[in-house]
Amino acid sequence: MHKPGGFTLLEVVVVMAIIAIMTALAAPGIIGLIQSNSVASNVNTFMADIRFARSEAVRRGGAVVMCRSDDPEAAAPTCGTGSGPGNNGWVSGWIIFEDRDGSQNYTSAGDQAQLLKVQGPIVNLDSIVEASSTKFQFTATGRMKNLTSATSLQFGSNMPNTRQRVVCVNGSGRVRIAGDGTASCSAATDQ
């Protein structure tokens, strides 16, 4: 006797049900992993750019500014004046420039400033919101020109606290990660 090969309809339905259950259990973990990686990547990019601006100020012996821009990829990018599109802060992007005339603003026409770096909009993160400063200006010593511009930034404010990150920038120009969304920048370590 020859036995026919293949699967019965019942076997196929059972396997599909098992796959559906496993997918439903794994989906939240995968979404959390994607969000955590997105926050980590953007925090690292921001911190690298702060360090770049600070080191360029020391190297060039003058003021270098990193500011939030509402349209950093424009032909003539400028520093943003408000909270950016949708009040999402730094996700609109930023620019770094050498501020030769001391205006703390970059304009391409008639300005002595030299554009050093442009960071386009962050598309995989909902917000990067600062506590106080939309602009960081570094002196030739690598310190902040205005000590009150020391601030904290919260990355991913619409995510669960465990996936958020708080980044601190102190008056000496140093940047660090304070922790998750419940952390804060302490006055003792950030002066």
C-alpha atoms as a PDB file:
ATOM      1  CA  MET A   1       0.000   0.000   0.000  1.00  0.00           C
ATOM      2  CA  HIS A   2       1.167   3.482  -0.855  1.00  0.00           C
ATOM      3  CA  LYS A   3       0.630   6.071   1.893  1.00  0.00           C
ATOM      4  CA  PRO A   4      -0.070   9.626   0.551  1.00  0.00           C
ATOM      5  CA  GLY A   5       2.400  12.371   1.714  1.00  0.00           C
ATOM      6  CA  GLY A   6       1.559  15.885   2.964  1.00  0.00           C
ATOM      7  CA  PHE A   7      -0.173  17.539   5.871  1.00  0.00           C
ATOM      8  CA  THR A   8      -3.760  17.439   6.918  1.00  0.00           C
ATOM      9  CA  LEU A   9      -5.774  20.613   7.265  1.00  0.00           C
ATOM     10  CA  LEU A  10      -5.858  20.159  11.027  1.00  0.00           C
ATOM     11  CA  GLU A  11      -2.060  19.974  11.243  1.00  0.00           C
ATOM     12  CA  VAL A  12      -1.642  23.163   9.176  1.00  0.00           C
ATOM     13  CA  VAL A  13      -4.163  25.051  11.340  1.00  0.00           C
ATOM     14  CA  VAL A  14      -2.429  23.950  14.563  1.00  0.00           C
ATOM     15  CA  VAL A  15       1.011  25.064  13.280  1.00  0.00           C
ATOM     16  CA  MET A  16      -0.409  28.437  12.158  1.00  0.00           C
ATOM     17  CA  ALA A  17      -2.021  28.947  15.567  1.00  0.00           C
ATOM     18  CA  ILE A  18       1.291  28.223  17.326  1.00  0.00           C
ATOM     19  CA  ILE A  19       3.123  30.687  15.052  1.00  0.00           C
ATOM     20  CA  ALA A  20       0.480  33.371  15.692  1.00  0.00           C
ATOM     21  CA  ILE A  21       0.733  32.925  19.467  1.00  0.00           C
ATOM     22  CA  MET A  22       4.542  33.081  19.413  1.00  0.00           C
ATOM     23  CA  THR A  23       4.470  36.201  17.230  1.00  0.00           C
ATOM     24  CA  ALA A  24       1.997  37.911  19.552  1.00  0.00           C
ATOM     25  CA  LEU A  25       4.224  37.153  22.545  1.00  0.00           C
ATOM     26  CA  ALA A  26       7.429  38.336  20.817  1.00  0.00           C
ATOM     27  CA  ALA A  27       6.090  41.558  19.230  1.00  0.00           C
ATOM     28  CA  PRO A  28       6.186  43.793  22.351  1.00  0.00           C
ATOM     29  CA  GLY A  29       9.755  42.735  23.065  1.00  0.00           C
ATOM     30  CA  ILE A  30      10.843  43.482  19.524  1.00  0.00           C
ATOM     31  CA  ILE A  31       9.159  46.902  19.586  1.00  0.00           C
ATOM     32  CA  GLY A  32      10.890  47.704  22.878  1.00  0.00           C
ATOM     33  CA  LEU A  33      14.238  46.603  21.468  1.00  0.00           C
ATOM     34  CA  ILE A  34      13.786  48.810  18.392  1.00  0.00           C
ATOM     35  CA  GLN A  35      12.837  51.814  20.554  1.00  0.00           C
ATOM     36  CA  SER A  36      15.793  51.271  22.916  1.00  0.00           C
ATOM     37  CA  ASN A  37      18.229  51.001  20.010  1.00  0.00           C
ATOM     38  CA  SER A  38      16.788  54.131  18.406  1.00  0.00           C
ATOM     39  CA  VAL A  39      17.193  56.145  21.605  1.00  0.00           C
ATOM     40  CA  ALA A  40      20.731  54.832  22.163  1.00  0.00           C
ATOM     41  CA  SER A  41      21.774  55.659  18.607  1.00  0.00           C
ATOM     42  CA  ASN A  42      20.417  59.202  18.784  1.00  0.00           C
ATOM     43  CA  VAL A  43      21.912  59.834  22.233  1.00  0.00           C
ATOM     44  CA  ASN A  44      25.300  58.725  20.912  1.00  0.00           C
ATOM     45  CA  THR A  45      24.970  61.000  17.861  1.00  0.00           C
ATOM     46  CA  PHE A  46      24.035  63.993  20.006  1.00  0.00           C
ATOM     47  CA  MET A  47      26.841  63.389  22.503  1.00  0.00           C
ATOM     48  CA  ALA A  48      29.392  62.944  19.698  1.00  0.00           C
ATOM     49  CA  ASP A  49      28.313  66.250  18.162  1.00  0.00           C
ATOM     50  CA  ILE A  50      28.550  68.085  21.505  1.00  0.00           C
ATOM     51  CA  ARG A  51      32.066  66.684  21.927  1.00  0.00           C
ATOM     52  CA  PHE A  52      32.908  67.662  18.341  1.00  0.00           C
ATOM     53  CA  ALA A  53      31.738  71.253  18.915  1.00  0.00           C
ATOM     54  CA  ARG A  54      33.713  71.479  22.154  1.00  0.00           C
ATOM     55  CA  SER A  55      36.896  70.094  20.619  1.00  0.00           C
ATOM     56  CA  GLU A  56      36.571  72.379  17.582  1.00  0.00           C
ATOM     57  CA  ALA A  57      36.298  75.392  19.902  1.00  0.00           C
ATOM     58  CA  VAL A  58      39.549  74.353  21.578  1.00  0.00           C
ATOM     59  CA  ARG A  59      41.256  73.553  18.259  1.00  0.00           C
ATOM     60  CA  ARG A  60      40.181  76.786  16.577  1.00  0.00           C
ATOM     61  CA  GLY A  61      40.804  78.925  19.641  1.00  0.00           C
ATOM     62  CA  GLY A  62      37.400  80.583  19.454  1.00  0.00           C
ATOM     63  CA  ALA A  63      33.691  80.277  19.894  1.00  0.00           C
ATOM     64  CA  VAL A  64      31.889  77.321  18.338  1.00  0.00           C
ATOM     65  CA  VAL A  65      28.114  77.062  18.630  1.00  0.00           C
ATOM     66  CA  MET A  66      25.841  74.032  18.421  1.00  0.00           C
ATOM     67  CA  CYS A  67      22.234  75.107  18.048  1.00  0.00           C
ATOM     68  CA  ARG A  68      18.894  73.529  17.312  1.00  0.00           C
ATOM     69  CA  SER A  69      17.655  74.315  13.812  1.00  0.00           C
ATOM     70  CA  ASP A  70      14.113  74.096  12.489  1.00  0.00           C
ATOM     71  CA  ASP A  71      15.474  73.322   8.990  1.00  0.00           C
ATOM     72  CA  PRO A  72      19.145  72.315   9.187  1.00  0.00           C
ATOM     73  CA  GLU A  73      19.257  70.958   5.637  1.00  0.00           C
ATOM     74  CA  ALA A  74      18.111  74.228   4.072  1.00  0.00           C
ATOM     75  CA  ALA A  75      20.426  76.055   1.698  1.00  0.00           C
ATOM     76  CA  ALA A  76      20.956  78.636   4.440  1.00  0.00           C
ATOM     77  CA  PRO A  77      20.276  76.912   7.807  1.00  0.00           C
ATOM     78  CA  THR A  78      19.669  79.052  10.868  1.00  0.00           C
ATOM     79  CA  CYS A  79      19.367  78.465  14.587  1.00  0.00           C
ATOM     80  CA  GLY A  80      15.817  77.743  15.711  1.00  0.00           C
ATOM     81  CA  THR A  81      14.024  80.280  17.833  1.00  0.00           C
ATOM     82  CA  GLY A  82      11.266  78.149  19.325  1.00  0.00           C
ATOM     83  CA  SER A  83      10.645  74.540  20.213  1.00  0.00           C
ATOM     84  CA  GLY A  84      10.765  73.428  16.602  1.00  0.00           C
ATOM     85  CA  PRO A  85       8.066  71.709  14.597  1.00  0.00           C
ATOM     86  CA  GLY A  86       5.521  70.072  16.888  1.00  0.00           C
ATOM     87  CA  ASN A  87       7.353  71.224  20.039  1.00  0.00           C
ATOM     88  CA  ASN A  88       9.586  68.162  19.784  1.00  0.00           C
ATOM     89  CA  GLY A  89      12.813  70.054  20.380  1.00  0.00           C
ATOM     90  CA  TRP A  90      16.086  68.893  18.884  1.00  0.00           C
ATOM     91  CA  VAL A  91      14.553  66.155  16.666  1.00  0.00           C
ATOM     92  CA  SER A  92      14.262  68.799  13.943  1.00  0.00           C
ATOM     93  CA  GLY A  93      18.093  68.687  13.743  1.00  0.00           C
ATOM     94  CA  TRP A  94      20.993  70.992  14.582  1.00  0.00           C
ATOM     95  CA  ILE A  95      23.939  72.816  13.130  1.00  0.00           C
ATOM     96  CA  ILE A  96      27.458  73.426  14.422  1.00  0.00           C
ATOM     97  CA  PHE A  97      29.364  76.500  13.320  1.00  0.00           C
ATOM     98  CA  GLU A  98      32.365  78.622  14.210  1.00  0.00           C
ATOM     99  CA  ASP A  99      31.000  81.927  15.496  1.00  0.00           C
ATOM    100  CA  ARG A 100      33.656  84.391  14.348  1.00  0.00           C
ATOM    101  CA  ASP A 101      31.526  87.527  14.807  1.00  0.00           C
ATOM    102  CA  GLY A 102      30.106  86.572  18.225  1.00  0.00           C
ATOM    103  CA  SER A 103      26.471  86.826  17.096  1.00  0.00           C
ATOM    104  CA  GLN A 104      25.628  83.260  18.221  1.00  0.00           C
ATOM    105  CA  ASN A 105      23.634  82.883  14.991  1.00  0.00           C
ATOM    106  CA  TYR A 106      24.557  81.432  11.654  1.00  0.00           C
ATOM    107  CA  THR A 107      23.530  83.157   8.465  1.00  0.00           C
ATOM    108  CA  SER A 108      25.187  82.400   5.166  1.00  0.00           C
ATOM    109  CA  ALA A 109      24.973  85.962   3.808  1.00  0.00           C
ATOM    110  CA  GLY A 110      27.614  88.369   5.095  1.00  0.00           C
ATOM    111  CA  ASP A 111      28.383  86.374   8.229  1.00  0.00           C
ATOM    112  CA  GLN A 112      31.875  85.485   9.357  1.00  0.00           C
ATOM    113  CA  ALA A 113      30.637  82.144  10.720  1.00  0.00           C
ATOM    114  CA  GLN A 114      31.818  78.901   9.170  1.00  0.00           C
ATOM    115  CA  LEU A 115      29.405  75.971   9.078  1.00  0.00           C
ATOM    116  CA  LEU A 116      31.169  72.895  10.488  1.00  0.00           C
ATOM    117  CA  LYS A 117      28.476  70.220  10.689  1.00  0.00           C
ATOM    118  CA  VAL A 118      24.800  69.660   9.941  1.00  0.00           C
ATOM    119  CA  GLN A 119      22.598  67.022  11.589  1.00  0.00           C
ATOM    120  CA  GLY A 120      19.367  66.466   9.699  1.00  0.00           C
ATOM    121  CA  PRO A 121      16.009  65.707  11.316  1.00  0.00           C
ATOM    122  CA  ILE A 122      15.785  62.659  13.564  1.00  0.00           C
ATOM    123  CA  VAL A 123      12.991  60.557  12.074  1.00  0.00           C
ATOM    124  CA  ASN A 124      13.039  57.524  14.359  1.00  0.00           C
ATOM    125  CA  LEU A 125      12.546  59.358  17.665  1.00  0.00           C
ATOM    126  CA  ASP A 126       9.532  61.346  18.863  1.00  0.00           C
ATOM    127  CA  SER A 127      11.294  64.090  20.818  1.00  0.00           C
ATOM    128  CA  ILE A 128      14.515  65.466  22.268  1.00  0.00           C
ATOM    129  CA  VAL A 129      13.374  68.117  24.720  1.00  0.00           C
ATOM    130  CA  GLU A 130      15.744  70.390  26.620  1.00  0.00           C
ATOM    131  CA  ALA A 131      15.218  71.860  30.056  1.00  0.00           C
ATOM    132  CA  SER A 132      16.491  75.306  29.182  1.00  0.00           C
ATOM    133  CA  SER A 133      18.969  75.788  26.348  1.00  0.00           C
ATOM    134  CA  THR A 134      18.476  75.598  22.580  1.00  0.00           C
ATOM    135  CA  LYS A 135      22.083  76.622  21.975  1.00  0.00           C
ATOM    136  CA  PHE A 136      25.474  75.582  23.319  1.00  0.00           C
ATOM    137  CA  GLN A 137      28.363  78.003  22.828  1.00  0.00           C
ATOM    138  CA  PHE A 138      31.860  76.797  23.644  1.00  0.00           C
ATOM    139  CA  THR A 139      34.867  79.031  24.327  1.00  0.00           C
ATOM    140  CA  ALA A 140      38.506  78.453  23.360  1.00  0.00           C
ATOM    141  CA  THR A 141      39.007  76.538  26.614  1.00  0.00           C
ATOM    142  CA  GLY A 142      36.163  74.120  25.842  1.00  0.00           C
ATOM    143  CA  ARG A 143      33.898  75.541  28.544  1.00  0.00           C
ATOM    144  CA  MET A 144      30.437  76.959  28.005  1.00  0.00           C
ATOM    145  CA  LYS A 145      30.444  80.694  27.400  1.00  0.00           C
ATOM    146  CA  ASN A 146      27.295  81.097  29.468  1.00  0.00           C
ATOM    147  CA  LEU A 147      27.250  78.809  32.484  1.00  0.00           C
ATOM    148  CA  THR A 148      23.458  79.049  32.676  1.00  0.00           C
ATOM    149  CA  SER A 149      23.268  77.197  29.348  1.00  0.00           C
ATOM    150  CA  ALA A 150      24.105  73.977  31.212  1.00  0.00           C
ATOM    151  CA  THR A 151      21.039  71.842  30.832  1.00  0.00           C
ATOM    152  CA  SER A 152      19.465  68.429  30.601  1.00  0.00           C
ATOM    153  CA  LEU A 153      17.800  66.878  27.571  1.00  0.00           C
ATOM    154  CA  GLN A 154      15.229  64.106  27.594  1.00  0.00           C
ATOM    155  CA  PHE A 155      15.295  61.698  24.647  1.00  0.00           C
ATOM    156  CA  GLY A 156      12.034  59.921  23.741  1.00  0.00           C
ATOM    157  CA  SER A 157       9.606  61.611  26.112  1.00  0.00           C
ATOM    158  CA  ASN A 158       6.577  59.722  24.729  1.00  0.00           C
ATOM    159  CA  MET A 159       8.137  56.321  25.422  1.00  0.00           C
ATOM    160  CA  PRO A 160       8.046  54.382  28.683  1.00  0.00           C
ATOM    161  CA  ASN A 161      10.506  55.779  31.274  1.00  0.00           C
ATOM    162  CA  THR A 162      12.744  52.712  31.038  1.00  0.00           C
ATOM    163  CA  ARG A 163      13.432  53.436  27.349  1.00  0.00           C
ATOM    164  CA  GLN A 164      13.962  57.189  27.716  1.00  0.00           C
ATOM    165  CA  ARG A 165      17.375  58.722  28.369  1.00  0.00           C
ATOM    166  CA  VAL A 166      18.331  61.927  30.165  1.00  0.00           C
ATOM    167  CA  VAL A 167      21.529  63.596  28.946  1.00  0.00           C
ATOM    168  CA  CYS A 168      23.282  66.276  31.011  1.00  0.00           C
ATOM    169  CA  VAL A 169      25.499  69.041  29.642  1.00  0.00           C
ATOM    170  CA  ASN A 170      27.352  70.897  32.393  1.00  0.00           C
ATOM    171  CA  GLY A 171      28.972  74.318  32.513  1.00  0.00           C
ATOM    172  CA  SER A 172      32.394  72.931  31.719  1.00  0.00           C
ATOM    173  CA  GLY A 173      30.999  71.593  28.448  1.00  0.00           C
ATOM    174  CA  ARG A 174      31.047  67.952  29.403  1.00  0.00           C
ATOM    175  CA  VAL A 175      28.164  65.714  28.450  1.00  0.00           C
ATOM    176  CA  ARG A 176      26.989  62.526  30.158  1.00  0.00           C
ATOM    177  CA  ILE A 177      23.996  60.201  30.365  1.00  0.00           C
ATOM    178  CA  ALA A 178      22.215  60.553  33.708  1.00  0.00           C
ATOM    179  CA  GLY A 179      20.007  57.503  33.228  1.00  0.00           C
ATOM    180  CA  ASP A 180      16.507  56.617  32.134  1.00  0.00           C
ATOM    181  CA  GLY A 181      13.476  58.920  32.022  1.00  0.00           C
ATOM    182  CA  THR A 182      13.249  59.144  35.815  1.00  0.00           C
ATOM    183  CA  ALA A 183      16.849  60.386  36.236  1.00  0.00           C
ATOM    184  CA  SER A 184      17.843  64.005  36.649  1.00  0.00           C
ATOM    185  CA  CYS A 185      20.996  66.052  36.373  1.00  0.00           C
ATOM    186  CA  SER A 186      22.233  66.801  39.874  1.00  0.00           C
ATOM    187  CA  ALA A 187      23.747  70.171  40.662  1.00  0.00           C
ATOM    188  CA  ALA A 188      26.719  68.524  42.374  1.00  0.00           C
ATOM    189  CA  THR A 189      27.924  66.572  39.343  1.00  0.00           C
ATOM    190  CA  ASP A 190      26.849  68.997  36.628  1.00  0.00           C
ATOM    191  CA  GLN A 191      28.545  72.250  37.627  1.00  0.00           C
END
